[in-house]
């Protein structure tokens, strides 16, 4: 699998920082009494993870605009411009949702009413929009590419649709980031839905590990280390329990990794477009 090293290194660097920060917060808030409220504080509405998501989405808009202009100012085939324009609309739409559509719930630690909500059974229930985002992203960036790699599928490059599918196929880093994001969820506290999602996650993780074993020559040291961080966060979520968290808090974390994967995936295949490709 041919990699674009610039986007590969940038993604791995951002993933390393965010993954390490998230793992640290999970472990501290899960085991250290003095840090029980820390994870809630940084995942609150318009908190740290919200700011990171906005920065990544803004970066996605700039990257797609740059490549859209590059296509029309060079000899790159313009058949790819609708794909780039569609990705641009996705980034712009997500930015709009972040500021104007997505509803957020403020919970006050010092309010008795809000404190009681943290121990209610419904506090960790995912809303329908959150479930749609989780399952759609996991399907597109984990399940489908894993199946493609498992079956060793190759697309017909003599046809436009085949060239586009081959070009835009998510790489191993995108799969790792997608699984990492999906892992940040209270599986053992969300009833039958949580256990179903845990089974879905484990199946995806095992399938990817199997692909890594049979096609290990395609992975480099960065991807192996990214996979190691994924296994660390998976174990962390299995052995820790977090207080003062609701479904929106966990989603704030997942959302950052979803956006990071989307940005890394888009920049990776867009940077592969070269002027030597003609219509």
C-alpha atoms as a PDB file:
ATOM      1  CA  UNK A   1       0.000   0.000   0.000  1.00  0.00           C
ATOM      2  CA  UNK A   2       1.650   3.173  -1.214  1.00  0.00           C
ATOM      3  CA  UNK A   3       1.797   5.912   1.400  1.00  0.00           C
ATOM      4  CA  UNK A   4       2.118   9.654   1.111  1.00  0.00           C
ATOM      5  CA  UNK A   5       4.760  10.203   3.755  1.00  0.00           C
ATOM      6  CA  UNK A   6       3.912  13.832   4.571  1.00  0.00           C
ATOM      7  CA  UNK A   7       0.262  13.174   5.429  1.00  0.00           C
ATOM      8  CA  UNK A   8       1.295   9.844   7.000  1.00  0.00           C
ATOM      9  CA  UNK A   9       3.722  11.538   9.405  1.00  0.00           C
ATOM     10  CA  UNK A  10       1.354  14.411  10.202  1.00  0.00           C
ATOM     11  CA  UNK A  11      -1.502  12.031  10.970  1.00  0.00           C
ATOM     12  CA  UNK A  12       0.706   9.791  13.118  1.00  0.00           C
ATOM     13  CA  UNK A  13       2.005  12.792  15.062  1.00  0.00           C
ATOM     14  CA  UNK A  14      -1.467  14.192  15.747  1.00  0.00           C
ATOM     15  CA  UNK A  15      -2.790  10.748  16.583  1.00  0.00           C
ATOM     16  CA  UNK A  16       0.100  10.158  19.008  1.00  0.00           C
ATOM     17  CA  UNK A  17      -0.534  13.424  20.890  1.00  0.00           C
ATOM     18  CA  UNK A  18      -4.319  13.001  21.075  1.00  0.00           C
ATOM     19  CA  UNK A  19      -4.161   9.282  21.920  1.00  0.00           C
ATOM     20  CA  UNK A  20      -1.582   9.785  24.655  1.00  0.00           C
ATOM     21  CA  UNK A  21      -3.537  12.690  26.143  1.00  0.00           C
ATOM     22  CA  UNK A  22      -6.786  10.700  26.068  1.00  0.00           C
ATOM     23  CA  UNK A  23      -5.230   7.583  27.598  1.00  0.00           C
ATOM     24  CA  UNK A  24      -3.677   9.666  30.366  1.00  0.00           C
ATOM     25  CA  UNK A  25      -7.014  11.304  31.159  1.00  0.00           C
ATOM     26  CA  UNK A  26      -8.809   7.950  31.157  1.00  0.00           C
ATOM     27  CA  UNK A  27      -6.327   6.367  33.550  1.00  0.00           C
ATOM     28  CA  UNK A  28      -6.083   9.345  35.900  1.00  0.00           C
ATOM     29  CA  UNK A  29      -9.846   9.864  36.148  1.00  0.00           C
ATOM     30  CA  UNK A  30     -10.391   6.119  36.471  1.00  0.00           C
ATOM     31  CA  UNK A  31      -7.876   5.333  39.212  1.00  0.00           C
ATOM     32  CA  UNK A  32      -6.817   8.524  40.987  1.00  0.00           C
ATOM     33  CA  UNK A  33      -9.426   9.928  43.376  1.00  0.00           C
ATOM     34  CA  UNK A  34      -8.208  13.532  43.073  1.00  0.00           C
ATOM     35  CA  UNK A  35      -8.696  13.422  39.279  1.00  0.00           C
ATOM     36  CA  UNK A  36     -12.178  11.869  39.191  1.00  0.00           C
ATOM     37  CA  UNK A  37     -13.712  15.056  37.764  1.00  0.00           C
ATOM     38  CA  UNK A  38     -10.915  15.870  35.316  1.00  0.00           C
ATOM     39  CA  UNK A  39     -12.244  13.898  32.355  1.00  0.00           C
ATOM     40  CA  UNK A  40     -15.655  15.497  32.757  1.00  0.00           C
ATOM     41  CA  UNK A  41     -14.103  18.970  32.857  1.00  0.00           C
ATOM     42  CA  UNK A  42     -12.218  18.589  29.576  1.00  0.00           C
ATOM     43  CA  UNK A  43     -15.149  16.935  27.773  1.00  0.00           C
ATOM     44  CA  UNK A  44     -17.792  19.423  28.874  1.00  0.00           C
ATOM     45  CA  UNK A  45     -19.635  21.432  26.182  1.00  0.00           C
ATOM     46  CA  UNK A  46     -17.268  23.812  24.361  1.00  0.00           C
ATOM     47  CA  UNK A  47     -14.341  22.378  26.286  1.00  0.00           C
ATOM     48  CA  UNK A  48     -10.905  21.121  25.226  1.00  0.00           C
ATOM     49  CA  UNK A  49     -12.094  18.403  22.851  1.00  0.00           C
ATOM     50  CA  UNK A  50     -14.593  20.764  21.226  1.00  0.00           C
ATOM     51  CA  UNK A  51     -11.785  23.229  20.469  1.00  0.00           C
ATOM     52  CA  UNK A  52      -9.591  20.449  19.047  1.00  0.00           C
ATOM     53  CA  UNK A  53     -12.444  19.273  16.805  1.00  0.00           C
ATOM     54  CA  UNK A  54     -12.995  22.804  15.497  1.00  0.00           C
ATOM     55  CA  UNK A  55      -9.279  23.213  14.722  1.00  0.00           C
ATOM     56  CA  UNK A  56      -9.197  19.882  12.850  1.00  0.00           C
ATOM     57  CA  UNK A  57     -12.376  20.675  10.917  1.00  0.00           C
ATOM     58  CA  UNK A  58     -11.004  24.087   9.951  1.00  0.00           C
ATOM     59  CA  UNK A  59      -7.822  22.362   8.807  1.00  0.00           C
ATOM     60  CA  UNK A  60      -9.938  20.001   6.719  1.00  0.00           C
ATOM     61  CA  UNK A  61     -11.657  22.927   5.006  1.00  0.00           C
ATOM     62  CA  UNK A  62      -8.289  24.533   4.181  1.00  0.00           C
ATOM     63  CA  UNK A  63      -6.774  21.276   2.923  1.00  0.00           C
ATOM     64  CA  UNK A  64      -9.694  20.467   0.620  1.00  0.00           C
ATOM     65  CA  UNK A  65      -9.836  24.037  -0.694  1.00  0.00           C
ATOM     66  CA  UNK A  66      -6.117  23.889  -1.455  1.00  0.00           C
ATOM     67  CA  UNK A  67      -6.441  20.651  -3.435  1.00  0.00           C
ATOM     68  CA  UNK A  68      -9.556  21.863  -5.215  1.00  0.00           C
ATOM     69  CA  UNK A  69      -7.630  24.917  -6.420  1.00  0.00           C
ATOM     70  CA  UNK A  70      -4.629  22.714  -7.270  1.00  0.00           C
ATOM     71  CA  UNK A  71      -6.736  20.593  -9.595  1.00  0.00           C
ATOM     72  CA  UNK A  72      -7.965  23.605 -11.565  1.00  0.00           C
ATOM     73  CA  UNK A  73      -4.513  25.206 -11.781  1.00  0.00           C
ATOM     74  CA  UNK A  74      -2.596  22.119 -12.933  1.00  0.00           C
ATOM     75  CA  UNK A  75      -2.947  19.164 -15.288  1.00  0.00           C
ATOM     76  CA  UNK A  76      -4.518  16.859 -12.721  1.00  0.00           C
ATOM     77  CA  UNK A  77      -7.601  15.078 -14.020  1.00  0.00           C
ATOM     78  CA  UNK A  78     -10.726  17.010 -13.065  1.00  0.00           C
ATOM     79  CA  UNK A  79     -12.768  13.864 -12.596  1.00  0.00           C
ATOM     80  CA  UNK A  80     -11.611  13.979  -8.976  1.00  0.00           C
ATOM     81  CA  UNK A  81     -12.893  17.510  -8.328  1.00  0.00           C
ATOM     82  CA  UNK A  82     -16.483  16.394  -7.437  1.00  0.00           C
ATOM     83  CA  UNK A  83     -15.014  14.022  -4.812  1.00  0.00           C
ATOM     84  CA  UNK A  84     -12.930  16.805  -3.280  1.00  0.00           C
ATOM     85  CA  UNK A  85     -15.891  19.195  -3.394  1.00  0.00           C
ATOM     86  CA  UNK A  86     -18.020  16.591  -1.600  1.00  0.00           C
ATOM     87  CA  UNK A  87     -15.409  16.202   1.150  1.00  0.00           C
ATOM     88  CA  UNK A  88     -15.251  20.008   1.439  1.00  0.00           C
ATOM     89  CA  UNK A  89     -19.022  20.111   1.936  1.00  0.00           C
ATOM     90  CA  UNK A  90     -18.701  17.448   4.646  1.00  0.00           C
ATOM     91  CA  UNK A  91     -16.135  19.514   6.566  1.00  0.00           C
ATOM     92  CA  UNK A  92     -18.170  22.702   6.193  1.00  0.00           C
ATOM     93  CA  UNK A  93     -21.347  20.870   7.202  1.00  0.00           C
ATOM     94  CA  UNK A  94     -19.684  19.420  10.286  1.00  0.00           C
ATOM     95  CA  UNK A  95     -18.420  22.858  11.280  1.00  0.00           C
ATOM     96  CA  UNK A  96     -21.923  24.256  10.900  1.00  0.00           C
ATOM     97  CA  UNK A  97     -23.347  21.418  13.017  1.00  0.00           C
ATOM     98  CA  UNK A  98     -20.789  22.045  15.743  1.00  0.00           C
ATOM     99  CA  UNK A  99     -21.740  25.687  16.101  1.00  0.00           C
ATOM    100  CA  UNK A 100     -25.440  25.827  15.245  1.00  0.00           C
ATOM    101  CA  UNK A 101     -27.134  22.411  15.317  1.00  0.00           C
ATOM    102  CA  UNK A 102     -25.620  20.045  17.871  1.00  0.00           C
ATOM    103  CA  UNK A 103     -27.327  20.360  21.241  1.00  0.00           C
ATOM    104  CA  UNK A 104     -25.222  20.157  24.387  1.00  0.00           C
ATOM    105  CA  UNK A 105     -26.235  19.648  27.997  1.00  0.00           C
ATOM    106  CA  UNK A 106     -24.516  21.589  30.765  1.00  0.00           C
ATOM    107  CA  UNK A 107     -24.256  19.720  34.064  1.00  0.00           C
ATOM    108  CA  UNK A 108     -23.142  21.537  37.204  1.00  0.00           C
ATOM    109  CA  UNK A 109     -21.095  19.565  39.754  1.00  0.00           C
ATOM    110  CA  UNK A 110     -22.356  21.821  42.546  1.00  0.00           C
ATOM    111  CA  UNK A 111     -26.042  21.444  41.674  1.00  0.00           C
ATOM    112  CA  UNK A 112     -27.867  18.705  43.569  1.00  0.00           C
ATOM    113  CA  UNK A 113     -30.273  18.164  40.682  1.00  0.00           C
ATOM    114  CA  UNK A 114     -27.460  17.814  38.127  1.00  0.00           C
ATOM    115  CA  UNK A 115     -25.414  15.625  40.461  1.00  0.00           C
ATOM    116  CA  UNK A 116     -28.319  13.204  40.757  1.00  0.00           C
ATOM    117  CA  UNK A 117     -28.504  13.002  36.966  1.00  0.00           C
ATOM    118  CA  UNK A 118     -25.002  11.496  36.901  1.00  0.00           C
ATOM    119  CA  UNK A 119     -26.263   8.417  38.712  1.00  0.00           C
ATOM    120  CA  UNK A 120     -29.427   7.988  36.623  1.00  0.00           C
ATOM    121  CA  UNK A 121     -29.693   4.993  34.291  1.00  0.00           C
ATOM    122  CA  UNK A 122     -30.382   7.159  31.251  1.00  0.00           C
ATOM    123  CA  UNK A 123     -27.288   9.385  31.583  1.00  0.00           C
ATOM    124  CA  UNK A 124     -25.202   7.124  29.313  1.00  0.00           C
ATOM    125  CA  UNK A 125     -27.902   6.329  26.749  1.00  0.00           C
ATOM    126  CA  UNK A 126     -26.838   7.452  23.288  1.00  0.00           C
ATOM    127  CA  UNK A 127     -29.185   9.708  21.396  1.00  0.00           C
ATOM    128  CA  UNK A 128     -30.234   8.648  17.898  1.00  0.00           C
ATOM    129  CA  UNK A 129     -27.960  11.185  16.091  1.00  0.00           C
ATOM    130  CA  UNK A 130     -24.943   9.999  18.098  1.00  0.00           C
ATOM    131  CA  UNK A 131     -25.700   6.369  17.257  1.00  0.00           C
ATOM    132  CA  UNK A 132     -26.010   7.225  13.559  1.00  0.00           C
ATOM    133  CA  UNK A 133     -22.629   8.985  13.557  1.00  0.00           C
ATOM    134  CA  UNK A 134     -20.935   6.131  15.448  1.00  0.00           C
ATOM    135  CA  UNK A 135     -22.282   3.315  13.289  1.00  0.00           C
ATOM    136  CA  UNK A 136     -21.914   5.172   9.996  1.00  0.00           C
ATOM    137  CA  UNK A 137     -18.310   6.106  10.704  1.00  0.00           C
ATOM    138  CA  UNK A 138     -17.392   2.652  12.005  1.00  0.00           C
ATOM    139  CA  UNK A 139     -18.948   1.059   8.941  1.00  0.00           C
ATOM    140  CA  UNK A 140     -17.237   3.348   6.411  1.00  0.00           C
ATOM    141  CA  UNK A 141     -13.778   3.594   7.967  1.00  0.00           C
ATOM    142  CA  UNK A 142     -13.412   0.272   9.775  1.00  0.00           C
ATOM    143  CA  UNK A 143     -15.732  -2.483   8.555  1.00  0.00           C
ATOM    144  CA  UNK A 144     -15.700  -1.793   4.806  1.00  0.00           C
ATOM    145  CA  UNK A 145     -11.914  -1.237   4.437  1.00  0.00           C
ATOM    146  CA  UNK A 146     -11.184  -4.241   6.697  1.00  0.00           C
ATOM    147  CA  UNK A 147     -13.367  -6.436   4.490  1.00  0.00           C
ATOM    148  CA  UNK A 148     -11.652  -5.046   1.385  1.00  0.00           C
ATOM    149  CA  UNK A 149      -8.174  -5.813   2.775  1.00  0.00           C
ATOM    150  CA  UNK A 150      -9.294  -9.202   4.095  1.00  0.00           C
ATOM    151  CA  UNK A 151     -10.640 -10.226   0.679  1.00  0.00           C
ATOM    152  CA  UNK A 152      -7.686  -8.513  -1.049  1.00  0.00           C
ATOM    153  CA  UNK A 153     -10.068  -6.649  -3.332  1.00  0.00           C
ATOM    154  CA  UNK A 154      -8.711  -4.726  -6.310  1.00  0.00           C
ATOM    155  CA  UNK A 155     -10.764  -2.195  -8.227  1.00  0.00           C
ATOM    156  CA  UNK A 156     -10.786  -1.872 -12.013  1.00  0.00           C
ATOM    157  CA  UNK A 157      -8.630   1.190 -12.701  1.00  0.00           C
ATOM    158  CA  UNK A 158      -9.694   1.259 -16.329  1.00  0.00           C
ATOM    159  CA  UNK A 159     -13.018   2.683 -15.171  1.00  0.00           C
ATOM    160  CA  UNK A 160     -13.518   6.006 -13.436  1.00  0.00           C
ATOM    161  CA  UNK A 161     -15.393   4.579 -10.470  1.00  0.00           C
ATOM    162  CA  UNK A 162     -12.712   1.929  -9.986  1.00  0.00           C
ATOM    163  CA  UNK A 163      -9.944   4.533 -10.008  1.00  0.00           C
ATOM    164  CA  UNK A 164     -11.804   6.648  -7.457  1.00  0.00           C
ATOM    165  CA  UNK A 165     -12.528   3.695  -5.145  1.00  0.00           C
ATOM    166  CA  UNK A 166      -8.923   2.525  -5.300  1.00  0.00           C
ATOM    167  CA  UNK A 167      -7.627   6.024  -4.638  1.00  0.00           C
ATOM    168  CA  UNK A 168      -9.956   6.810  -1.733  1.00  0.00           C
ATOM    169  CA  UNK A 169      -9.726   3.435   0.029  1.00  0.00           C
ATOM    170  CA  UNK A 170      -8.954   4.159   3.734  1.00  0.00           C
ATOM    171  CA  UNK A 171      -5.474   3.093   4.790  1.00  0.00           C
ATOM    172  CA  UNK A 172      -4.437   1.249   7.945  1.00  0.00           C
ATOM    173  CA  UNK A 173      -3.979   4.470   9.916  1.00  0.00           C
ATOM    174  CA  UNK A 174      -7.584   5.461   9.183  1.00  0.00           C
ATOM    175  CA  UNK A 175      -8.799   2.068  10.393  1.00  0.00           C
ATOM    176  CA  UNK A 176      -6.732   2.302  13.582  1.00  0.00           C
ATOM    177  CA  UNK A 177      -8.009   5.815  14.305  1.00  0.00           C
ATOM    178  CA  UNK A 178     -11.582   4.747  13.623  1.00  0.00           C
ATOM    179  CA  UNK A 179     -11.376   1.824  16.047  1.00  0.00           C
ATOM    180  CA  UNK A 180      -9.669   4.041  18.631  1.00  0.00           C
ATOM    181  CA  UNK A 181     -12.524   6.532  18.506  1.00  0.00           C
ATOM    182  CA  UNK A 182     -15.211   3.856  18.722  1.00  0.00           C
ATOM    183  CA  UNK A 183     -13.453   2.389  21.769  1.00  0.00           C
ATOM    184  CA  UNK A 184     -14.205   5.482  23.900  1.00  0.00           C
ATOM    185  CA  UNK A 185     -17.586   4.331  25.156  1.00  0.00           C
ATOM    186  CA  UNK A 186     -19.028   2.998  28.458  1.00  0.00           C
ATOM    187  CA  UNK A 187     -19.781  -0.484  27.117  1.00  0.00           C
ATOM    188  CA  UNK A 188     -20.498  -2.043  30.514  1.00  0.00           C
ATOM    189  CA  UNK A 189     -22.876   0.723  31.619  1.00  0.00           C
ATOM    190  CA  UNK A 190     -25.094   1.069  28.568  1.00  0.00           C
ATOM    191  CA  UNK A 191     -27.195  -2.079  28.862  1.00  0.00           C
ATOM    192  CA  UNK A 192     -27.631  -4.458  25.943  1.00  0.00           C
ATOM    193  CA  UNK A 193     -26.654  -1.733  23.458  1.00  0.00           C
ATOM    194  CA  UNK A 194     -23.284  -1.346  25.158  1.00  0.00           C
ATOM    195  CA  UNK A 195     -22.564  -5.079  25.047  1.00  0.00           C
ATOM    196  CA  UNK A 196     -23.637  -5.262  21.390  1.00  0.00           C
ATOM    197  CA  UNK A 197     -21.299  -2.388  20.555  1.00  0.00           C
ATOM    198  CA  UNK A 198     -18.490  -4.045  22.501  1.00  0.00           C
ATOM    199  CA  UNK A 199     -18.943  -7.232  20.488  1.00  0.00           C
ATOM    200  CA  UNK A 200     -18.973  -5.174  17.285  1.00  0.00           C
ATOM    201  CA  UNK A 201     -15.761  -3.447  18.381  1.00  0.00           C
ATOM    202  CA  UNK A 202     -13.984  -6.688  19.333  1.00  0.00           C
ATOM    203  CA  UNK A 203     -14.888  -8.314  16.010  1.00  0.00           C
ATOM    204  CA  UNK A 204     -13.536  -5.313  14.107  1.00  0.00           C
ATOM    205  CA  UNK A 205     -10.363  -5.249  16.194  1.00  0.00           C
ATOM    206  CA  UNK A 206      -9.746  -8.982  15.768  1.00  0.00           C
ATOM    207  CA  UNK A 207     -10.336  -8.760  12.013  1.00  0.00           C
ATOM    208  CA  UNK A 208      -7.863  -5.904  11.724  1.00  0.00           C
ATOM    209  CA  UNK A 209      -5.245  -7.725  13.825  1.00  0.00           C
ATOM    210  CA  UNK A 210      -5.665 -10.762  11.572  1.00  0.00           C
ATOM    211  CA  UNK A 211      -5.099  -8.542   8.521  1.00  0.00           C
ATOM    212  CA  UNK A 212      -1.989  -7.105  10.175  1.00  0.00           C
ATOM    213  CA  UNK A 213      -0.645 -10.630  10.743  1.00  0.00           C
ATOM    214  CA  UNK A 214      -1.204 -11.852   7.181  1.00  0.00           C
ATOM    215  CA  UNK A 215      -0.156  -8.570   5.548  1.00  0.00           C
ATOM    216  CA  UNK A 216       2.395  -7.292   8.042  1.00  0.00           C
ATOM    217  CA  UNK A 217       4.811  -6.243   5.290  1.00  0.00           C
ATOM    218  CA  UNK A 218       2.420  -3.400   4.446  1.00  0.00           C
ATOM    219  CA  UNK A 219       2.695  -1.785   7.883  1.00  0.00           C
ATOM    220  CA  UNK A 220       5.534   0.464   9.007  1.00  0.00           C
ATOM    221  CA  UNK A 221       6.784   1.335  12.493  1.00  0.00           C
ATOM    222  CA  UNK A 222       4.391   4.299  12.832  1.00  0.00           C
ATOM    223  CA  UNK A 223       1.363   2.115  12.174  1.00  0.00           C
ATOM    224  CA  UNK A 224       2.574  -0.552  14.588  1.00  0.00           C
ATOM    225  CA  UNK A 225       2.963   2.065  17.306  1.00  0.00           C
ATOM    226  CA  UNK A 226      -0.479   3.517  16.481  1.00  0.00           C
ATOM    227  CA  UNK A 227      -1.879   0.001  16.844  1.00  0.00           C
ATOM    228  CA  UNK A 228      -0.103  -0.343  20.196  1.00  0.00           C
ATOM    229  CA  UNK A 229      -1.798   2.850  21.453  1.00  0.00           C
ATOM    230  CA  UNK A 230      -5.119   1.458  20.251  1.00  0.00           C
ATOM    231  CA  UNK A 231      -4.610  -1.705  22.303  1.00  0.00           C
ATOM    232  CA  UNK A 232      -3.637   0.425  25.323  1.00  0.00           C
ATOM    233  CA  UNK A 233      -6.825   2.500  25.159  1.00  0.00           C
ATOM    234  CA  UNK A 234      -8.902  -0.650  24.645  1.00  0.00           C
ATOM    235  CA  UNK A 235      -7.469  -2.177  27.827  1.00  0.00           C
ATOM    236  CA  UNK A 236      -7.884   1.150  29.640  1.00  0.00           C
ATOM    237  CA  UNK A 237     -11.596   1.292  28.799  1.00  0.00           C
ATOM    238  CA  UNK A 238     -12.046  -2.322  29.916  1.00  0.00           C
ATOM    239  CA  UNK A 239     -10.469  -1.829  33.370  1.00  0.00           C
ATOM    240  CA  UNK A 240     -11.484   1.730  34.306  1.00  0.00           C
ATOM    241  CA  UNK A 241     -14.742   3.269  35.463  1.00  0.00           C
ATOM    242  CA  UNK A 242     -15.355   6.992  35.117  1.00  0.00           C
ATOM    243  CA  UNK A 243     -17.518   9.255  37.250  1.00  0.00           C
ATOM    244  CA  UNK A 244     -19.439  12.404  36.281  1.00  0.00           C
ATOM    245  CA  UNK A 245     -19.651  11.326  32.623  1.00  0.00           C
ATOM    246  CA  UNK A 246     -22.622  11.248  30.295  1.00  0.00           C
ATOM    247  CA  UNK A 247     -23.130  10.059  26.704  1.00  0.00           C
ATOM    248  CA  UNK A 248     -22.286  13.502  25.309  1.00  0.00           C
ATOM    249  CA  UNK A 249     -18.944  13.560  27.147  1.00  0.00           C
ATOM    250  CA  UNK A 250     -17.798  10.295  25.625  1.00  0.00           C
ATOM    251  CA  UNK A 251     -19.013  11.444  22.204  1.00  0.00           C
ATOM    252  CA  UNK A 252     -16.912  14.620  22.440  1.00  0.00           C
ATOM    253  CA  UNK A 253     -13.822  12.403  22.599  1.00  0.00           C
ATOM    254  CA  UNK A 254     -14.942  10.021  19.853  1.00  0.00           C
ATOM    255  CA  UNK A 255     -15.804  12.942  17.622  1.00  0.00           C
ATOM    256  CA  UNK A 256     -12.245  14.318  17.736  1.00  0.00           C
ATOM    257  CA  UNK A 257     -10.815  11.012  16.522  1.00  0.00           C
ATOM    258  CA  UNK A 258     -13.500  10.725  13.846  1.00  0.00           C
ATOM    259  CA  UNK A 259     -12.572  14.175  12.537  1.00  0.00           C
ATOM    260  CA  UNK A 260      -8.856  13.349  12.728  1.00  0.00           C
ATOM    261  CA  UNK A 261      -9.417  10.196  10.674  1.00  0.00           C
ATOM    262  CA  UNK A 262     -11.535  12.094   8.162  1.00  0.00           C
ATOM    263  CA  UNK A 263      -8.823  14.744   7.797  1.00  0.00           C
ATOM    264  CA  UNK A 264      -6.019  12.182   7.534  1.00  0.00           C
ATOM    265  CA  UNK A 265      -7.936  10.089   4.999  1.00  0.00           C
ATOM    266  CA  UNK A 266      -8.817  13.096   2.821  1.00  0.00           C
ATOM    267  CA  UNK A 267      -5.321  14.610   2.809  1.00  0.00           C
ATOM    268  CA  UNK A 268      -3.759  11.200   2.125  1.00  0.00           C
ATOM    269  CA  UNK A 269      -5.557  10.459  -1.131  1.00  0.00           C
ATOM    270  CA  UNK A 270      -5.685  14.078  -2.292  1.00  0.00           C
ATOM    271  CA  UNK A 271      -1.914  14.388  -2.046  1.00  0.00           C
ATOM    272  CA  UNK A 272      -1.566  11.317  -4.274  1.00  0.00           C
ATOM    273  CA  UNK A 273      -3.094  13.256  -7.180  1.00  0.00           C
ATOM    274  CA  UNK A 274      -0.276  14.155  -9.557  1.00  0.00           C
ATOM    275  CA  UNK A 275      -0.184  16.341 -12.686  1.00  0.00           C
ATOM    276  CA  UNK A 276       0.862  13.308 -14.744  1.00  0.00           C
ATOM    277  CA  UNK A 277      -2.718  11.995 -14.474  1.00  0.00           C
ATOM    278  CA  UNK A 278      -4.597  13.311 -17.477  1.00  0.00           C
ATOM    279  CA  UNK A 279      -8.184  13.075 -18.638  1.00  0.00           C
END
